[in-house]
Amino acid sequence: MPTRTTGHFTFANWEERTVSPDETSPTLACASVTNAYSGGIAATTTCEYVIVYRPDKTGTFTGMQVLTGGLDGREGAFAVEERGWFDTEGAVHCTFEVVAGSGTGDLAGLGGTGSYTARQGEPSVAYTFDYHLPTPPVTGATRPVTDSTPSVTD
């Protein structure tokens, strides 16, 4: 059963550039972003997004984000793949999934999914993240095997 954690993040830096010709619609852009997470995820991130802006001021995006720090007290890093869309009122709706095999440190073997909705003008964004980690082996549960044979004495 997954564990749910929640918290907030803020955009620490957003650098966007248009990559399609200026007069072309829809517009293709790329953004390099840094976020600061608090709550269950306590991390700084680096993100790269590819964004399509449609003429009606809506759009879609996909991106990759690497989070470095901690998750509910466990230290390490992991990557997530993000997919989302935004509406005419500026709300951004996103779901994300851990990239398989990307967890390091205490987060090795991490898997999970999450989501957020960012509303224009709000200083931070609430997120939810449902995750699972491998169950650690139980220590002291096995007895050592020896090659010695008990001796019989009279």
C-alpha atoms as a PDB file:
ATOM      1  CA  MET A   1       0.000   0.000   0.000  1.00  0.00           C
ATOM      2  CA  PRO A   2       1.454   3.399  -0.950  1.00  0.00           C
ATOM      3  CA  THR A   3       2.305   6.094   1.564  1.00  0.00           C
ATOM      4  CA  ARG A   4       0.817   9.536   0.923  1.00  0.00           C
ATOM      5  CA  THR A   5       2.770  12.674   1.672  1.00  0.00           C
ATOM      6  CA  THR A   6       1.868  16.305   1.032  1.00  0.00           C
ATOM      7  CA  GLY A   7       3.446  19.731   1.097  1.00  0.00           C
ATOM      8  CA  HIS A   8       4.099  22.824  -1.006  1.00  0.00           C
ATOM      9  CA  PHE A   9       6.633  24.077  -3.495  1.00  0.00           C
ATOM     10  CA  THR A  10       7.590  27.476  -4.831  1.00  0.00           C
ATOM     11  CA  PHE A  11       9.172  28.464  -8.120  1.00  0.00           C
ATOM     12  CA  ALA A  12      12.654  29.719  -7.244  1.00  0.00           C
ATOM     13  CA  ASN A  13      13.575  30.500 -10.858  1.00  0.00           C
ATOM     14  CA  TRP A  14      11.833  30.256 -14.259  1.00  0.00           C
ATOM     15  CA  GLU A  15      13.720  30.890 -17.511  1.00  0.00           C
ATOM     16  CA  GLU A  16      11.657  30.346 -20.656  1.00  0.00           C
ATOM     17  CA  ARG A  17      12.566  30.736 -24.301  1.00  0.00           C
ATOM     18  CA  THR A  18      10.516  30.378 -27.463  1.00  0.00           C
ATOM     19  CA  VAL A  19      11.950  27.827 -29.880  1.00  0.00           C
ATOM     20  CA  SER A  20       9.383  28.051 -32.707  1.00  0.00           C
ATOM     21  CA  PRO A  21       9.362  30.936 -35.218  1.00  0.00           C
ATOM     22  CA  ASP A  22       7.860  34.103 -33.674  1.00  0.00           C
ATOM     23  CA  GLU A  23       4.832  34.298 -35.975  1.00  0.00           C
ATOM     24  CA  THR A  24       3.957  30.611 -35.750  1.00  0.00           C
ATOM     25  CA  SER A  25       0.966  29.345 -33.846  1.00  0.00           C
ATOM     26  CA  PRO A  26       0.929  27.163 -31.806  1.00  0.00           C
ATOM     27  CA  THR A  27       4.094  28.329 -30.037  1.00  0.00           C
ATOM     28  CA  LEU A  28       6.717  25.877 -28.826  1.00  0.00           C
ATOM     29  CA  ALA A  29       8.813  26.908 -25.811  1.00  0.00           C
ATOM     30  CA  CYS A  30      11.324  25.396 -23.394  1.00  0.00           C
ATOM     31  CA  ALA A  31      11.717  26.347 -19.738  1.00  0.00           C
ATOM     32  CA  SER A  32      14.479  25.705 -17.224  1.00  0.00           C
ATOM     33  CA  VAL A  33      13.035  25.869 -13.725  1.00  0.00           C
ATOM     34  CA  THR A  34      14.256  25.586 -10.145  1.00  0.00           C
ATOM     35  CA  ASN A  35      11.759  24.735  -7.380  1.00  0.00           C
ATOM     36  CA  ALA A  36      11.978  24.563  -3.594  1.00  0.00           C
ATOM     37  CA  TYR A  37       9.868  21.815  -1.957  1.00  0.00           C
ATOM     38  CA  SER A  38       8.746  21.641   1.684  1.00  0.00           C
ATOM     39  CA  GLY A  39       6.599  19.186   3.611  1.00  0.00           C
ATOM     40  CA  GLY A  40       6.964  15.446   2.939  1.00  0.00           C
ATOM     41  CA  ILE A  41       9.371  16.263   0.126  1.00  0.00           C
ATOM     42  CA  ALA A  42      12.126  18.588   1.374  1.00  0.00           C
ATOM     43  CA  ALA A  43      14.204  19.196  -1.726  1.00  0.00           C
ATOM     44  CA  THR A  44      15.513  21.580  -4.312  1.00  0.00           C
ATOM     45  CA  THR A  45      14.911  20.683  -7.924  1.00  0.00           C
ATOM     46  CA  THR A  46      16.060  21.251 -11.443  1.00  0.00           C
ATOM     47  CA  CYS A  47      13.448  20.918 -14.187  1.00  0.00           C
ATOM     48  CA  GLU A  48      13.276  21.102 -17.946  1.00  0.00           C
ATOM     49  CA  TYR A  49       9.904  21.586 -19.628  1.00  0.00           C
ATOM     50  CA  VAL A  50       8.714  21.611 -23.237  1.00  0.00           C
ATOM     51  CA  ILE A  51       5.559  23.701 -23.573  1.00  0.00           C
ATOM     52  CA  VAL A  52       3.023  24.183 -26.369  1.00  0.00           C
ATOM     53  CA  TYR A  53       0.943  27.392 -26.217  1.00  0.00           C
ATOM     54  CA  ARG A  54      -2.235  27.285 -28.307  1.00  0.00           C
ATOM     55  CA  PRO A  55      -3.840  30.390 -29.857  1.00  0.00           C
ATOM     56  CA  ASP A  56      -6.688  30.267 -27.282  1.00  0.00           C
ATOM     57  CA  LYS A  57      -4.126  30.803 -24.441  1.00  0.00           C
ATOM     58  CA  THR A  58      -4.307  27.179 -23.249  1.00  0.00           C
ATOM     59  CA  GLY A  59      -1.554  24.639 -23.623  1.00  0.00           C
ATOM     60  CA  THR A  60       0.182  21.455 -22.627  1.00  0.00           C
ATOM     61  CA  PHE A  61       3.610  20.573 -21.308  1.00  0.00           C
ATOM     62  CA  THR A  62       5.866  17.686 -20.468  1.00  0.00           C
ATOM     63  CA  GLY A  63       9.000  17.745 -18.391  1.00  0.00           C
ATOM     64  CA  MET A  64      11.597  16.014 -16.304  1.00  0.00           C
ATOM     65  CA  GLN A  65      12.465  17.062 -12.769  1.00  0.00           C
ATOM     66  CA  VAL A  66      15.253  15.856 -10.468  1.00  0.00           C
ATOM     67  CA  LEU A  67      14.565  16.295  -6.748  1.00  0.00           C
ATOM     68  CA  THR A  68      17.553  16.257  -4.381  1.00  0.00           C
ATOM     69  CA  GLY A  69      17.042  16.234  -0.618  1.00  0.00           C
ATOM     70  CA  GLY A  70      14.680  14.118   1.411  1.00  0.00           C
ATOM     71  CA  LEU A  71      11.352  12.323   1.422  1.00  0.00           C
ATOM     72  CA  ASP A  72       9.693  11.852   4.815  1.00  0.00           C
ATOM     73  CA  GLY A  73      13.108  11.847   6.515  1.00  0.00           C
ATOM     74  CA  ARG A  74      14.912   9.613   3.985  1.00  0.00           C
ATOM     75  CA  GLU A  75      17.805  11.258   2.132  1.00  0.00           C
ATOM     76  CA  GLY A  76      18.577  10.878  -1.565  1.00  0.00           C
ATOM     77  CA  ALA A  77      17.474  12.007  -4.983  1.00  0.00           C
ATOM     78  CA  PHE A  78      14.990  10.882  -7.631  1.00  0.00           C
ATOM     79  CA  ALA A  79      13.570  11.981 -10.972  1.00  0.00           C
ATOM     80  CA  VAL A  80       9.955  12.446 -12.010  1.00  0.00           C
ATOM     81  CA  GLU A  81       8.349  12.724 -15.420  1.00  0.00           C
ATOM     82  CA  GLU A  82       5.635  15.392 -15.556  1.00  0.00           C
ATOM     83  CA  ARG A  83       2.673  15.863 -17.905  1.00  0.00           C
ATOM     84  CA  GLY A  84       0.103  18.576 -17.696  1.00  0.00           C
ATOM     85  CA  TRP A  85      -2.058  21.266 -19.184  1.00  0.00           C
ATOM     86  CA  PHE A  86      -3.104  24.814 -18.401  1.00  0.00           C
ATOM     87  CA  ASP A  87      -6.393  26.584 -18.903  1.00  0.00           C
ATOM     88  CA  THR A  88      -7.397  30.112 -19.983  1.00  0.00           C
ATOM     89  CA  GLU A  89      -7.484  31.277 -16.350  1.00  0.00           C
ATOM     90  CA  GLY A  90      -3.825  30.381 -15.782  1.00  0.00           C
ATOM     91  CA  ALA A  91      -4.352  27.244 -13.680  1.00  0.00           C
ATOM     92  CA  VAL A  92      -1.715  24.560 -14.323  1.00  0.00           C
ATOM     93  CA  HIS A  93      -2.791  20.936 -13.790  1.00  0.00           C
ATOM     94  CA  CYS A  94      -0.002  18.367 -13.548  1.00  0.00           C
ATOM     95  CA  THR A  95       0.529  14.702 -12.804  1.00  0.00           C
ATOM     96  CA  PHE A  96       3.949  13.175 -12.282  1.00  0.00           C
ATOM     97  CA  GLU A  97       5.505   9.732 -11.929  1.00  0.00           C
ATOM     98  CA  VAL A  98       8.850   8.607 -10.526  1.00  0.00           C
ATOM     99  CA  VAL A  99      11.264   7.536 -13.242  1.00  0.00           C
ATOM    100  CA  ALA A 100      11.919   3.830 -12.545  1.00  0.00           C
ATOM    101  CA  GLY A 101      15.399   3.164 -11.156  1.00  0.00           C
ATOM    102  CA  SER A 102      16.188   6.862 -10.540  1.00  0.00           C
ATOM    103  CA  GLY A 103      16.161   6.799  -6.722  1.00  0.00           C
ATOM    104  CA  THR A 104      19.489   7.131  -4.900  1.00  0.00           C
ATOM    105  CA  GLY A 105      20.582   6.839  -1.270  1.00  0.00           C
ATOM    106  CA  ASP A 106      17.704   6.015   1.080  1.00  0.00           C
ATOM    107  CA  LEU A 107      15.346   6.470  -1.900  1.00  0.00           C
ATOM    108  CA  ALA A 108      16.737   3.600  -4.004  1.00  0.00           C
ATOM    109  CA  GLY A 109      13.833   1.600  -5.420  1.00  0.00           C
ATOM    110  CA  LEU A 110      11.357   4.487  -5.007  1.00  0.00           C
ATOM    111  CA  GLY A 111       8.202   4.422  -7.101  1.00  0.00           C
ATOM    112  CA  GLY A 112       5.107   6.572  -7.046  1.00  0.00           C
ATOM    113  CA  THR A 113       2.810   9.162  -8.567  1.00  0.00           C
ATOM    114  CA  GLY A 114       1.627  12.601  -7.605  1.00  0.00           C
ATOM    115  CA  SER A 115      -0.188  15.705  -8.719  1.00  0.00           C
ATOM    116  CA  TYR A 116      -0.602  19.417  -8.209  1.00  0.00           C
ATOM    117  CA  THR A 117      -2.655  22.342  -9.450  1.00  0.00           C
ATOM    118  CA  ALA A 118      -0.897  25.707  -9.559  1.00  0.00           C
ATOM    119  CA  ARG A 119      -3.112  28.775  -9.648  1.00  0.00           C
ATOM    120  CA  GLN A 120      -1.800  32.025 -11.052  1.00  0.00           C
ATOM    121  CA  GLY A 121      -0.934  34.532  -8.325  1.00  0.00           C
ATOM    122  CA  GLU A 122      -0.673  32.021  -5.458  1.00  0.00           C
ATOM    123  CA  PRO A 123       2.735  32.139  -3.726  1.00  0.00           C
ATOM    124  CA  SER A 124       3.072  28.356  -3.330  1.00  0.00           C
ATOM    125  CA  VAL A 125       1.654  25.203  -4.872  1.00  0.00           C
ATOM    126  CA  ALA A 126       0.211  22.285  -2.857  1.00  0.00           C
ATOM    127  CA  TYR A 127       1.163  18.778  -4.003  1.00  0.00           C
ATOM    128  CA  THR A 128       0.256  15.200  -3.101  1.00  0.00           C
ATOM    129  CA  PHE A 129       2.608  12.274  -3.647  1.00  0.00           C
ATOM    130  CA  ASP A 130       1.733   8.582  -3.214  1.00  0.00           C
ATOM    131  CA  TYR A 131       4.891   6.490  -3.070  1.00  0.00           C
ATOM    132  CA  HIS A 132       6.338   3.132  -2.121  1.00  0.00           C
ATOM    133  CA  LEU A 133       9.813   1.967  -1.220  1.00  0.00           C
ATOM    134  CA  PRO A 134      11.135  -1.587  -1.080  1.00  0.00           C
ATOM    135  CA  THR A 135      10.663  -3.260   2.275  1.00  0.00           C
ATOM    136  CA  PRO A 136      14.035  -3.423   4.028  1.00  0.00           C
ATOM    137  CA  PRO A 137      15.219  -6.903   5.010  1.00  0.00           C
ATOM    138  CA  VAL A 138      14.553  -7.922   8.583  1.00  0.00           C
ATOM    139  CA  THR A 139      17.849  -8.004  10.467  1.00  0.00           C
ATOM    140  CA  GLY A 140      18.671 -10.801  12.885  1.00  0.00           C
ATOM    141  CA  ALA A 141      15.974 -13.059  11.475  1.00  0.00           C
ATOM    142  CA  THR A 142      18.304 -15.743  10.155  1.00  0.00           C
ATOM    143  CA  ARG A 143      20.824 -17.980  11.876  1.00  0.00           C
ATOM    144  CA  PRO A 144      24.326 -18.377  10.484  1.00  0.00           C
ATOM    145  CA  VAL A 145      25.130 -21.630   8.764  1.00  0.00           C
ATOM    146  CA  THR A 146      28.326 -23.355   9.916  1.00  0.00           C
ATOM    147  CA  ASP A 147      30.352 -26.137   8.412  1.00  0.00           C
ATOM    148  CA  SER A 148      31.094 -27.714  11.768  1.00  0.00           C
ATOM    149  CA  THR A 149      29.591 -31.046  12.708  1.00  0.00           C
ATOM    150  CA  PRO A 150      28.716 -31.641  16.327  1.00  0.00           C
ATOM    151  CA  SER A 151      31.006 -34.179  17.970  1.00  0.00           C
ATOM    152  CA  VAL A 152      29.810 -37.164  19.925  1.00  0.00           C
ATOM    153  CA  THR A 153      31.569 -37.944  23.135  1.00  0.00           C
ATOM    154  CA  ASP A 154      31.171 -40.940  25.438  1.00  0.00           C
END
